PDB file of N, CA and C in Angstrom:
ATOM      1  N   UNK A   1     110.244  28.029 102.977  1.00  0.00           N
ATOM      2  CA  UNK A   1     110.951  26.795 102.790  1.00  0.00           C
ATOM      3  C   UNK A   1     112.462  27.024 102.813  1.00  0.00           C
ATOM      4  N   UNK A   2     112.898  28.158 102.304  1.00  0.00           N
ATOM      5  CA  UNK A   2     114.334  28.451 102.333  1.00  0.00           C
ATOM      6  C   UNK A   2     114.835  28.585 103.770  1.00  0.00           C
ATOM      7  N   UNK A   3     114.046  29.240 104.615  1.00  0.00           N
ATOM      8  CA  UNK A   3     114.430  29.359 106.032  1.00  0.00           C
ATOM      9  C   UNK A   3     114.542  27.986 106.677  1.00  0.00           C
ATOM     10  N   UNK A   4     113.602  27.099 106.387  1.00  0.00           N
ATOM     11  CA  UNK A   4     113.638  25.746 106.929  1.00  0.00           C
ATOM     12  C   UNK A   4     114.900  25.016 106.462  1.00  0.00           C
ATOM     13  N   UNK A   5     115.227  25.151 105.194  1.00  0.00           N
ATOM     14  CA  UNK A   5     116.390  24.456 104.634  1.00  0.00           C
ATOM     15  C   UNK A   5     117.704  24.956 105.237  1.00  0.00           C
ATOM     16  N   UNK A   6     117.732  26.202 105.657  1.00  0.00           N
ATOM     17  CA  UNK A   6     118.962  26.771 106.223  1.00  0.00           C
ATOM     18  C   UNK A   6     119.153  26.459 107.701  1.00  0.00           C
ATOM     19  N   UNK A   7     118.131  25.904 108.352  1.00  0.00           N
ATOM     20  CA  UNK A   7     118.239  25.564 109.767  1.00  0.00           C
ATOM     21  C   UNK A   7     118.702  24.115 109.907  1.00  0.00           C
ATOM     22  N   UNK A   8     119.641  23.870 110.798  1.00  0.00           N
ATOM     23  CA  UNK A   8     120.179  22.514 110.938  1.00  0.00           C
ATOM     24  C   UNK A   8     119.381  21.599 111.873  1.00  0.00           C
ATOM     25  N   UNK A   9     118.172  21.953 112.261  1.00  0.00           N
ATOM     26  CA  UNK A   9     117.441  21.176 113.252  1.00  0.00           C
ATOM     27  C   UNK A   9     116.957  19.827 112.734  1.00  0.00           C
ATOM     28  N   UNK A  10     116.786  19.664 111.433  1.00  0.00           N
ATOM     29  CA  UNK A  10     116.361  18.394 110.879  1.00  0.00           C
ATOM     30  C   UNK A  10     114.926  18.019 111.171  1.00  0.00           C
ATOM     31  N   UNK A  11     114.102  18.986 111.512  1.00  0.00           N
ATOM     32  CA  UNK A  11     112.705  18.700 111.793  1.00  0.00           C
ATOM     33  C   UNK A  11     111.924  18.579 110.483  1.00  0.00           C
ATOM     34  N   UNK A  12     110.862  17.771 110.499  1.00  0.00           N
ATOM     35  CA  UNK A  12     110.084  17.614 109.264  1.00  0.00           C
ATOM     36  C   UNK A  12     109.347  18.895 108.904  1.00  0.00           C
ATOM     37  N   UNK A  13     109.143  19.055 107.638  1.00  0.00           N
ATOM     38  CA  UNK A  13     108.359  20.169 107.118  1.00  0.00           C
ATOM     39  C   UNK A  13     107.137  19.564 106.443  1.00  0.00           C
ATOM     40  N   UNK A  14     105.960  19.926 106.890  1.00  0.00           N
ATOM     41  CA  UNK A  14     104.722  19.409 106.322  1.00  0.00           C
ATOM     42  C   UNK A  14     104.111  20.516 105.476  1.00  0.00           C
ATOM     43  N   UNK A  15     103.881  20.206 104.214  1.00  0.00           N
ATOM     44  CA  UNK A  15     103.314  21.176 103.283  1.00  0.00           C
ATOM     45  C   UNK A  15     101.931  20.675 102.884  1.00  0.00           C
ATOM     46  N   UNK A  16     100.927  21.483 103.172  1.00  0.00           N
ATOM     47  CA  UNK A  16      99.560  21.102 102.866  1.00  0.00           C
ATOM     48  C   UNK A  16      98.942  22.148 101.959  1.00  0.00           C
ATOM     49  N   UNK A  17      97.993  21.714 101.164  1.00  0.00           N
ATOM     50  CA  UNK A  17      97.297  22.651 100.294  1.00  0.00           C
ATOM     51  C   UNK A  17      96.497  21.915  99.243  1.00  0.00           C
ATOM     52  N   UNK A  18      95.822  22.679  98.433  1.00  0.00           N
ATOM     53  CA  UNK A  18      95.001  22.118  97.368  1.00  0.00           C
ATOM     54  C   UNK A  18      95.875  21.381  96.357  1.00  0.00           C
ATOM     55  N   UNK A  19      95.239  20.575  95.543  1.00  0.00           N
ATOM     56  CA  UNK A  19      95.967  19.833  94.515  1.00  0.00           C
ATOM     57  C   UNK A  19      96.398  20.776  93.379  1.00  0.00           C
ATOM     58  N   UNK A  20      97.528  20.445  92.793  1.00  0.00           N
ATOM     59  CA  UNK A  20      98.012  21.116  91.577  1.00  0.00           C
ATOM     60  C   UNK A  20      98.269  22.614  91.741  1.00  0.00           C
ATOM     61  N   UNK A  21      98.897  22.989  92.871  1.00  0.00           N
ATOM     62  CA  UNK A  21      99.237  24.406  93.047  1.00  0.00           C
ATOM     63  C   UNK A  21     100.746  24.628  93.159  1.00  0.00           C
ATOM     64  N   UNK A  22     101.525  23.544  93.036  1.00  0.00           N
ATOM     65  CA  UNK A  22     102.971  23.702  93.023  1.00  0.00           C
ATOM     66  C   UNK A  22     103.699  23.242  94.266  1.00  0.00           C
ATOM     67  N   UNK A  23     103.059  22.472  95.138  1.00  0.00           N
ATOM     68  CA  UNK A  23     103.728  22.006  96.361  1.00  0.00           C
ATOM     69  C   UNK A  23     104.912  21.100  96.019  1.00  0.00           C
ATOM     70  N   UNK A  24     104.678  20.085  95.212  1.00  0.00           N
ATOM     71  CA  UNK A  24     105.757  19.156  94.840  1.00  0.00           C
ATOM     72  C   UNK A  24     106.843  19.866  94.045  1.00  0.00           C
ATOM     73  N   UNK A  25     106.450  20.726  93.134  1.00  0.00           N
ATOM     74  CA  UNK A  25     107.409  21.476  92.334  1.00  0.00           C
ATOM     75  C   UNK A  25     108.316  22.308  93.243  1.00  0.00           C
ATOM     76  N   UNK A  26     107.734  22.924  94.259  1.00  0.00           N
ATOM     77  CA  UNK A  26     108.517  23.732  95.201  1.00  0.00           C
ATOM     78  C   UNK A  26     109.527  22.882  95.962  1.00  0.00           C
ATOM     79  N   UNK A  27     109.105  21.706  96.393  1.00  0.00           N
ATOM     80  CA  UNK A  27     110.024  20.817  97.125  1.00  0.00           C
ATOM     81  C   UNK A  27     111.128  20.312  96.198  1.00  0.00           C
ATOM     82  N   UNK A  28     110.792  19.979  94.967  1.00  0.00           N
ATOM     83  CA  UNK A  28     111.812  19.537  94.007  1.00  0.00           C
ATOM     84  C   UNK A  28     112.853  20.633  93.772  1.00  0.00           C
ATOM     85  N   UNK A  29     112.407  21.863  93.642  1.00  0.00           N
ATOM     86  CA  UNK A  29     113.340  22.981  93.472  1.00  0.00           C
ATOM     87  C   UNK A  29     114.190  23.185  94.718  1.00  0.00           C
ATOM     88  N   UNK A  30     113.594  23.048  95.889  1.00  0.00           N
ATOM     89  CA  UNK A  30     114.331  23.141  97.146  1.00  0.00           C
ATOM     90  C   UNK A  30     115.406  22.058  97.203  1.00  0.00           C
ATOM     91  N   UNK A  31     115.038  20.842  96.823  1.00  0.00           N
ATOM     92  CA  UNK A  31     115.997  19.738  96.816  1.00  0.00           C
ATOM     93  C   UNK A  31     117.167  20.000  95.894  1.00  0.00           C
ATOM     94  N   UNK A  32     116.893  20.528  94.721  1.00  0.00           N
ATOM     95  CA  UNK A  32     117.966  20.832  93.769  1.00  0.00           C
ATOM     96  C   UNK A  32     118.850  21.977  94.244  1.00  0.00           C
ATOM     97  N   UNK A  33     118.270  22.933  94.949  1.00  0.00           N
ATOM     98  CA  UNK A  33     119.029  24.105  95.390  1.00  0.00           C
ATOM     99  C   UNK A  33     119.868  23.852  96.634  1.00  0.00           C
ATOM    100  N   UNK A  34     119.330  23.107  97.589  1.00  0.00           N
ATOM    101  CA  UNK A  34     119.987  22.965  98.891  1.00  0.00           C
ATOM    102  C   UNK A  34     120.562  21.588  99.174  1.00  0.00           C
ATOM    103  N   UNK A  35     120.079  20.572  98.495  1.00  0.00           N
ATOM    104  CA  UNK A  35     120.469  19.205  98.818  1.00  0.00           C
ATOM    105  C   UNK A  35     120.995  18.481  97.582  1.00  0.00           C
ATOM    106  N   UNK A  36     121.829  19.135  96.838  1.00  0.00           N
ATOM    107  CA  UNK A  36     122.360  18.583  95.587  1.00  0.00           C
ATOM    108  C   UNK A  36     122.931  17.178  95.802  1.00  0.00           C
ATOM    109  N   UNK A  37     122.362  16.226  95.076  1.00  0.00           N
ATOM    110  CA  UNK A  37     122.836  14.859  95.174  1.00  0.00           C
ATOM    111  C   UNK A  37     122.318  14.106  96.384  1.00  0.00           C
ATOM    112  N   UNK A  38     121.615  14.772  97.268  1.00  0.00           N
ATOM    113  CA  UNK A  38     121.086  14.133  98.480  1.00  0.00           C
ATOM    114  C   UNK A  38     119.595  14.379  98.603  1.00  0.00           C
ATOM    115  N   UNK A  39     118.884  14.158  97.528  1.00  0.00           N
ATOM    116  CA  UNK A  39     117.438  14.371  97.492  1.00  0.00           C
ATOM    117  C   UNK A  39     116.776  13.063  97.070  1.00  0.00           C
ATOM    118  N   UNK A  40     115.860  12.566  97.913  1.00  0.00           N
ATOM    119  CA  UNK A  40     115.171  11.319  97.621  1.00  0.00           C
ATOM    120  C   UNK A  40     113.671  11.573  97.689  1.00  0.00           C
ATOM    121  N   UNK A  41     112.973  11.255  96.606  1.00  0.00           N
ATOM    122  CA  UNK A  41     111.521  11.397  96.582  1.00  0.00           C
ATOM    123  C   UNK A  41     110.885  10.017  96.702  1.00  0.00           C
ATOM    124  N   UNK A  42     110.006   9.868  97.669  1.00  0.00           N
ATOM    125  CA  UNK A  42     109.240   8.644  97.857  1.00  0.00           C
ATOM    126  C   UNK A  42     107.807   8.968  97.459  1.00  0.00           C
ATOM    127  N   UNK A  43     107.385   8.479  96.306  1.00  0.00           N
ATOM    128  CA  UNK A  43     106.043   8.742  95.817  1.00  0.00           C
ATOM    129  C   UNK A  43     105.178   7.527  96.132  1.00  0.00           C
ATOM    130  N   UNK A  44     104.338   7.653  97.137  1.00  0.00           N
ATOM    131  CA  UNK A  44     103.516   6.535  97.583  1.00  0.00           C
ATOM    132  C   UNK A  44     102.400   6.204  96.596  1.00  0.00           C
ATOM    133  N   UNK A  45     102.046   7.142  95.756  1.00  0.00           N
ATOM    134  CA  UNK A  45     101.039   6.865  94.728  1.00  0.00           C
ATOM    135  C   UNK A  45     101.627   5.984  93.630  1.00  0.00           C
ATOM    136  N   UNK A  46     102.876   6.237  93.269  1.00  0.00           N
ATOM    137  CA  UNK A  46     103.542   5.436  92.235  1.00  0.00           C
ATOM    138  C   UNK A  46     104.114   4.136  92.793  1.00  0.00           C
ATOM    139  N   UNK A  47     104.391   4.096  94.095  1.00  0.00           N
ATOM    140  CA  UNK A  47     104.953   2.923  94.759  1.00  0.00           C
ATOM    141  C   UNK A  47     104.094   2.541  95.963  1.00  0.00           C
ATOM    142  N   UNK A  48     102.874   2.055  95.737  1.00  0.00           N
ATOM    143  CA  UNK A  48     101.977   1.763  96.854  1.00  0.00           C
ATOM    144  C   UNK A  48     102.505   0.681  97.796  1.00  0.00           C
ATOM    145  N   UNK A  49     103.430  -0.131  97.336  1.00  0.00           N
ATOM    146  CA  UNK A  49     103.981  -1.168  98.212  1.00  0.00           C
ATOM    147  C   UNK A  49     104.776  -0.568  99.375  1.00  0.00           C
ATOM    148  N   UNK A  50     105.197   0.678  99.252  1.00  0.00           N
ATOM    149  CA  UNK A  50     105.951   1.327 100.323  1.00  0.00           C
ATOM    150  C   UNK A  50     105.059   1.768 101.484  1.00  0.00           C
ATOM    151  N   UNK A  51     103.749   1.734 101.305  1.00  0.00           N
ATOM    152  CA  UNK A  51     102.830   2.079 102.393  1.00  0.00           C
ATOM    153  C   UNK A  51     103.083   1.231 103.633  1.00  0.00           C
ATOM    154  N   UNK A  52     103.459  -0.023 103.419  1.00  0.00           N
ATOM    155  CA  UNK A  52     103.648  -0.939 104.550  1.00  0.00           C
ATOM    156  C   UNK A  52     104.692  -0.425 105.535  1.00  0.00           C
ATOM    157  N   UNK A  53     105.652   0.341 105.052  1.00  0.00           N
ATOM    158  CA  UNK A  53     106.692   0.898 105.922  1.00  0.00           C
ATOM    159  C   UNK A  53     106.085   1.858 106.943  1.00  0.00           C
ATOM    160  N   UNK A  54     105.058   2.577 106.536  1.00  0.00           N
ATOM    161  CA  UNK A  54     104.463   3.604 107.384  1.00  0.00           C
ATOM    162  C   UNK A  54     103.293   3.099 108.220  1.00  0.00           C
ATOM    163  N   UNK A  55     102.782   1.910 107.920  1.00  0.00           N
ATOM    164  CA  UNK A  55     101.648   1.362 108.669  1.00  0.00           C
ATOM    165  C   UNK A  55     102.071   0.796 110.027  1.00  0.00           C
ATOM    166  N   UNK A  56     103.297   0.343 110.129  1.00  0.00           N
ATOM    167  CA  UNK A  56     103.775  -0.323 111.344  1.00  0.00           C
ATOM    168  C   UNK A  56     103.808   0.639 112.538  1.00  0.00           C
ATOM    169  N   UNK A  57     104.523   1.741 112.393  1.00  0.00           N
ATOM    170  CA  UNK A  57     104.637   2.761 113.432  1.00  0.00           C
ATOM    171  C   UNK A  57     105.259   4.000 112.793  1.00  0.00           C
ATOM    172  N   UNK A  58     105.457   5.029 113.574  1.00  0.00           N
ATOM    173  CA  UNK A  58     106.062   6.255 113.043  1.00  0.00           C
ATOM    174  C   UNK A  58     107.393   6.547 113.718  1.00  0.00           C
ATOM    175  N   UNK A  59     108.206   5.535 113.874  1.00  0.00           N
ATOM    176  CA  UNK A  59     109.537   5.701 114.450  1.00  0.00           C
ATOM    177  C   UNK A  59     110.495   6.048 113.302  1.00  0.00           C
ATOM    178  N   UNK A  60     110.972   7.300 113.251  1.00  0.00           N
ATOM    179  CA  UNK A  60     111.799   7.741 112.119  1.00  0.00           C
ATOM    180  C   UNK A  60     113.009   6.854 111.838  1.00  0.00           C
ATOM    181  N   UNK A  61     113.715   6.420 112.868  1.00  0.00           N
ATOM    182  CA  UNK A  61     114.917   5.611 112.640  1.00  0.00           C
ATOM    183  C   UNK A  61     114.577   4.291 111.949  1.00  0.00           C
ATOM    184  N   UNK A  62     113.459   3.674 112.316  1.00  0.00           N
ATOM    185  CA  UNK A  62     113.051   2.431 111.671  1.00  0.00           C
ATOM    186  C   UNK A  62     112.600   2.691 110.231  1.00  0.00           C
ATOM    187  N   UNK A  63     111.842   3.750 110.018  1.00  0.00           N
ATOM    188  CA  UNK A  63     111.370   4.080 108.675  1.00  0.00           C
ATOM    189  C   UNK A  63     112.549   4.319 107.740  1.00  0.00           C
ATOM    190  N   UNK A  64     113.520   5.097 108.200  1.00  0.00           N
ATOM    191  CA  UNK A  64     114.699   5.391 107.375  1.00  0.00           C
ATOM    192  C   UNK A  64     115.471   4.107 107.071  1.00  0.00           C
ATOM    193  N   UNK A  65     115.656   3.277 108.074  1.00  0.00           N
ATOM    194  CA  UNK A  65     116.371   2.012 107.879  1.00  0.00           C
ATOM    195  C   UNK A  65     115.654   1.127 106.855  1.00  0.00           C
ATOM    196  N   UNK A  66     114.330   1.015 106.982  1.00  0.00           N
ATOM    197  CA  UNK A  66     113.554   0.213 106.045  1.00  0.00           C
ATOM    198  C   UNK A  66     113.635   0.773 104.628  1.00  0.00           C
ATOM    199  N   UNK A  67     113.535   2.093 104.486  1.00  0.00           N
ATOM    200  CA  UNK A  67     113.646   2.710 103.158  1.00  0.00           C
ATOM    201  C   UNK A  67     115.020   2.447 102.546  1.00  0.00           C
ATOM    202  N   UNK A  68     116.061   2.564 103.358  1.00  0.00           N
ATOM    203  CA  UNK A  68     117.415   2.302 102.864  1.00  0.00           C
ATOM    204  C   UNK A  68     117.539   0.872 102.347  1.00  0.00           C
ATOM    205  N   UNK A  69     116.996  -0.076 103.089  1.00  0.00           N
ATOM    206  CA  UNK A  69     117.088  -1.484 102.701  1.00  0.00           C
ATOM    207  C   UNK A  69     116.258  -1.797 101.458  1.00  0.00           C
ATOM    208  N   UNK A  70     115.023  -1.334 101.438  1.00  0.00           N
ATOM    209  CA  UNK A  70     114.127  -1.650 100.324  1.00  0.00           C
ATOM    210  C   UNK A  70     114.564  -0.960  99.031  1.00  0.00           C
ATOM    211  N   UNK A  71     114.980   0.300  99.137  1.00  0.00           N
ATOM    212  CA  UNK A  71     115.335   1.079  97.943  1.00  0.00           C
ATOM    213  C   UNK A  71     116.821   1.022  97.588  1.00  0.00           C
ATOM    214  N   UNK A  72     117.606   0.385  98.458  1.00  0.00           N
ATOM    215  CA  UNK A  72     119.048   0.295  98.252  1.00  0.00           C
ATOM    216  C   UNK A  72     119.674   1.681  98.069  1.00  0.00           C
ATOM    217  N   UNK A  73     119.386   2.552  99.039  1.00  0.00           N
ATOM    218  CA  UNK A  73     119.889   3.927  99.023  1.00  0.00           C
ATOM    219  C   UNK A  73     120.461   4.255 100.391  1.00  0.00           C
ATOM    220  N   UNK A  74     121.218   5.331 100.465  1.00  0.00           N
ATOM    221  CA  UNK A  74     121.713   5.830 101.738  1.00  0.00           C
ATOM    222  C   UNK A  74     121.010   7.122 102.096  1.00  0.00           C
ATOM    223  N   UNK A  75     120.564   7.217 103.330  1.00  0.00           N
ATOM    224  CA  UNK A  75     119.911   8.429 103.822  1.00  0.00           C
ATOM    225  C   UNK A  75     120.745   8.920 104.989  1.00  0.00           C
ATOM    226  N   UNK A  76     121.328  10.100 104.820  1.00  0.00           N
ATOM    227  CA  UNK A  76     122.237  10.639 105.833  1.00  0.00           C
ATOM    228  C   UNK A  76     121.560  11.783 106.603  1.00  0.00           C
ATOM    229  N   UNK A  77     121.447  11.602 107.901  1.00  0.00           N
ATOM    230  CA  UNK A  77     120.799  12.600 108.749  1.00  0.00           C
ATOM    231  C   UNK A  77     121.457  13.971 108.576  1.00  0.00           C
ATOM    232  N   UNK A  78     120.625  14.982 108.380  1.00  0.00           N
ATOM    233  CA  UNK A  78     121.123  16.338 108.245  1.00  0.00           C
ATOM    234  C   UNK A  78     121.648  16.697 106.867  1.00  0.00           C
ATOM    235  N   UNK A  79     121.743  15.708 105.974  1.00  0.00           N
ATOM    236  CA  UNK A  79     122.288  15.972 104.649  1.00  0.00           C
ATOM    237  C   UNK A  79     121.367  15.521 103.507  1.00  0.00           C
ATOM    238  N   UNK A  80     120.442  14.619 103.813  1.00  0.00           N
ATOM    239  CA  UNK A  80     119.549  14.092 102.793  1.00  0.00           C
ATOM    240  C   UNK A  80     118.142  14.654 102.984  1.00  0.00           C
ATOM    241  N   UNK A  81     117.580  15.176 101.898  1.00  0.00           N
ATOM    242  CA  UNK A  81     116.196  15.614 101.924  1.00  0.00           C
ATOM    243  C   UNK A  81     115.339  14.439 101.474  1.00  0.00           C
ATOM    244  N   UNK A  82     114.495  13.954 102.356  1.00  0.00           N
ATOM    245  CA  UNK A  82     113.598  12.854 102.079  1.00  0.00           C
ATOM    246  C   UNK A  82     112.203  13.422 101.866  1.00  0.00           C
ATOM    247  N   UNK A  83     111.735  13.365 100.641  1.00  0.00           N
ATOM    248  CA  UNK A  83     110.441  13.939 100.259  1.00  0.00           C
ATOM    249  C   UNK A  83     109.449  12.795 100.095  1.00  0.00           C
ATOM    250  N   UNK A  84     108.497  12.699 101.023  1.00  0.00           N
ATOM    251  CA  UNK A  84     107.468  11.669 100.956  1.00  0.00           C
ATOM    252  C   UNK A  84     106.228  12.310 100.380  1.00  0.00           C
ATOM    253  N   UNK A  85     105.853  11.835  99.226  1.00  0.00           N
ATOM    254  CA  UNK A  85     104.817  12.462  98.426  1.00  0.00           C
ATOM    255  C   UNK A  85     103.664  11.489  98.252  1.00  0.00           C
TER     256      UNK A  85
END
């Protein structure tokens, strides 16, 4: 994950694994270490109404725009870590 964070490509990182083994904890620590002040966690389990954003299509620019509007936040390409959980 550290190697991914140090690369400027901005590609998504998909983390898969069993439940309760530290995946979210690892991403939270990564956010605090590399993206200070620019870390946004979208928890779809706690905010099921946000599912509608992802049902329409998977166009990143539209998803980011919708998240910014609904959550009243700024997401800056290359500087904001967006963690969809």
